[in-house]
Amino acid sequence: METTGLERAVRLLARHDQPVRLGQIKAADGSWVFMLFLTEDSSTLVACTGVRQERD
């Protein structure tokens, strides 16, 4: 499974040290799913990581 931005997201979240909200974006073709980590009020993106989806 291929990921992008995972290590950076972990570092940013550790530094943020505050509650976060989660969001998810799926690519139109279903090839990637991205997890968004937002500030508690959803006004700022803290970090993002993506996972390539395997095709059946």
C-alpha atoms as a PDB file:
ATOM      1  CA  MET A   1       0.000   0.000   0.000  1.00  0.00           C
ATOM      2  CA  GLU A   2       1.417   3.386  -1.022  1.00  0.00           C
ATOM      3  CA  THR A   3       1.068   6.406   1.261  1.00  0.00           C
ATOM      4  CA  THR A   4       2.018  10.027   0.866  1.00  0.00           C
ATOM      5  CA  GLY A   5       2.723  12.587   3.558  1.00  0.00           C
ATOM      6  CA  LEU A   6       2.328  10.204   6.488  1.00  0.00           C
ATOM      7  CA  GLU A   7       5.607  10.961   8.274  1.00  0.00           C
ATOM      8  CA  ARG A   8       5.130  14.706   7.854  1.00  0.00           C
ATOM      9  CA  ALA A   9       1.525  14.469   9.093  1.00  0.00           C
ATOM     10  CA  VAL A  10       2.645  12.636  12.236  1.00  0.00           C
ATOM     11  CA  ARG A  11       5.277  15.312  12.948  1.00  0.00           C
ATOM     12  CA  LEU A  12       2.831  18.155  12.405  1.00  0.00           C
ATOM     13  CA  LEU A  13       0.168  16.562  14.576  1.00  0.00           C
ATOM     14  CA  ALA A  14       2.658  15.971  17.401  1.00  0.00           C
ATOM     15  CA  ARG A  15       3.621  19.657  17.304  1.00  0.00           C
ATOM     16  CA  HIS A  16       0.005  20.831  17.088  1.00  0.00           C
ATOM     17  CA  ASP A  17      -0.854  19.286  20.502  1.00  0.00           C
ATOM     18  CA  GLN A  18      -4.513  20.347  20.270  1.00  0.00           C
ATOM     19  CA  PRO A  19      -7.745  18.535  19.373  1.00  0.00           C
ATOM     20  CA  VAL A  20      -8.327  18.104  15.643  1.00  0.00           C
ATOM     21  CA  ARG A  21     -11.249  17.349  13.374  1.00  0.00           C
ATOM     22  CA  LEU A  22     -10.964  14.758  10.649  1.00  0.00           C
ATOM     23  CA  GLY A  23     -11.995  15.092   7.049  1.00  0.00           C
ATOM     24  CA  GLN A  24     -11.745  12.718   4.120  1.00  0.00           C
ATOM     25  CA  ILE A  25     -11.444  13.308   0.400  1.00  0.00           C
ATOM     26  CA  LYS A  26     -11.696  10.518  -2.165  1.00  0.00           C
ATOM     27  CA  ALA A  27     -10.257  11.022  -5.640  1.00  0.00           C
ATOM     28  CA  ALA A  28     -12.914  11.014  -8.350  1.00  0.00           C
ATOM     29  CA  ASP A  29     -11.443   7.846  -9.851  1.00  0.00           C
ATOM     30  CA  GLY A  30     -11.138   6.162  -6.437  1.00  0.00           C
ATOM     31  CA  SER A  31      -7.381   5.787  -6.704  1.00  0.00           C
ATOM     32  CA  TRP A  32      -6.508   7.794  -3.567  1.00  0.00           C
ATOM     33  CA  VAL A  33      -8.121   8.622  -0.226  1.00  0.00           C
ATOM     34  CA  PHE A  34      -6.802  11.596   1.716  1.00  0.00           C
ATOM     35  CA  MET A  35      -7.265  12.157   5.443  1.00  0.00           C
ATOM     36  CA  LEU A  36      -7.363  15.800   6.476  1.00  0.00           C
ATOM     37  CA  PHE A  37      -6.556  16.917  10.009  1.00  0.00           C
ATOM     38  CA  LEU A  38      -8.139  20.295  10.725  1.00  0.00           C
ATOM     39  CA  THR A  39      -8.059  22.625  13.706  1.00  0.00           C
ATOM     40  CA  GLU A  40     -10.932  22.137  16.127  1.00  0.00           C
ATOM     41  CA  ASP A  41     -12.880  25.028  14.545  1.00  0.00           C
ATOM     42  CA  SER A  42     -12.159  23.622  11.047  1.00  0.00           C
ATOM     43  CA  SER A  43     -10.587  26.892   9.914  1.00  0.00           C
ATOM     44  CA  THR A  44      -7.060  25.608   9.239  1.00  0.00           C
ATOM     45  CA  LEU A  45      -5.520  22.478   7.775  1.00  0.00           C
ATOM     46  CA  VAL A  46      -2.987  21.026  10.226  1.00  0.00           C
ATOM     47  CA  ALA A  47      -1.859  17.998   8.203  1.00  0.00           C
ATOM     48  CA  CYS A  48      -2.860  15.697   5.366  1.00  0.00           C
ATOM     49  CA  THR A  49      -1.945  12.160   4.376  1.00  0.00           C
ATOM     50  CA  GLY A  50      -3.043  10.024   1.450  1.00  0.00           C
ATOM     51  CA  VAL A  51      -3.351   6.305   0.783  1.00  0.00           C
ATOM     52  CA  ARG A  52      -3.475   4.804  -2.699  1.00  0.00           C
ATOM     53  CA  GLN A  53      -6.379   2.401  -2.976  1.00  0.00           C
ATOM     54  CA  GLU A  54      -5.799  -1.049  -4.389  1.00  0.00           C
ATOM     55  CA  ARG A  55      -7.968  -2.038  -7.310  1.00  0.00           C
ATOM     56  CA  ASP A  56      -9.893  -5.319  -7.178  1.00  0.00           C
END
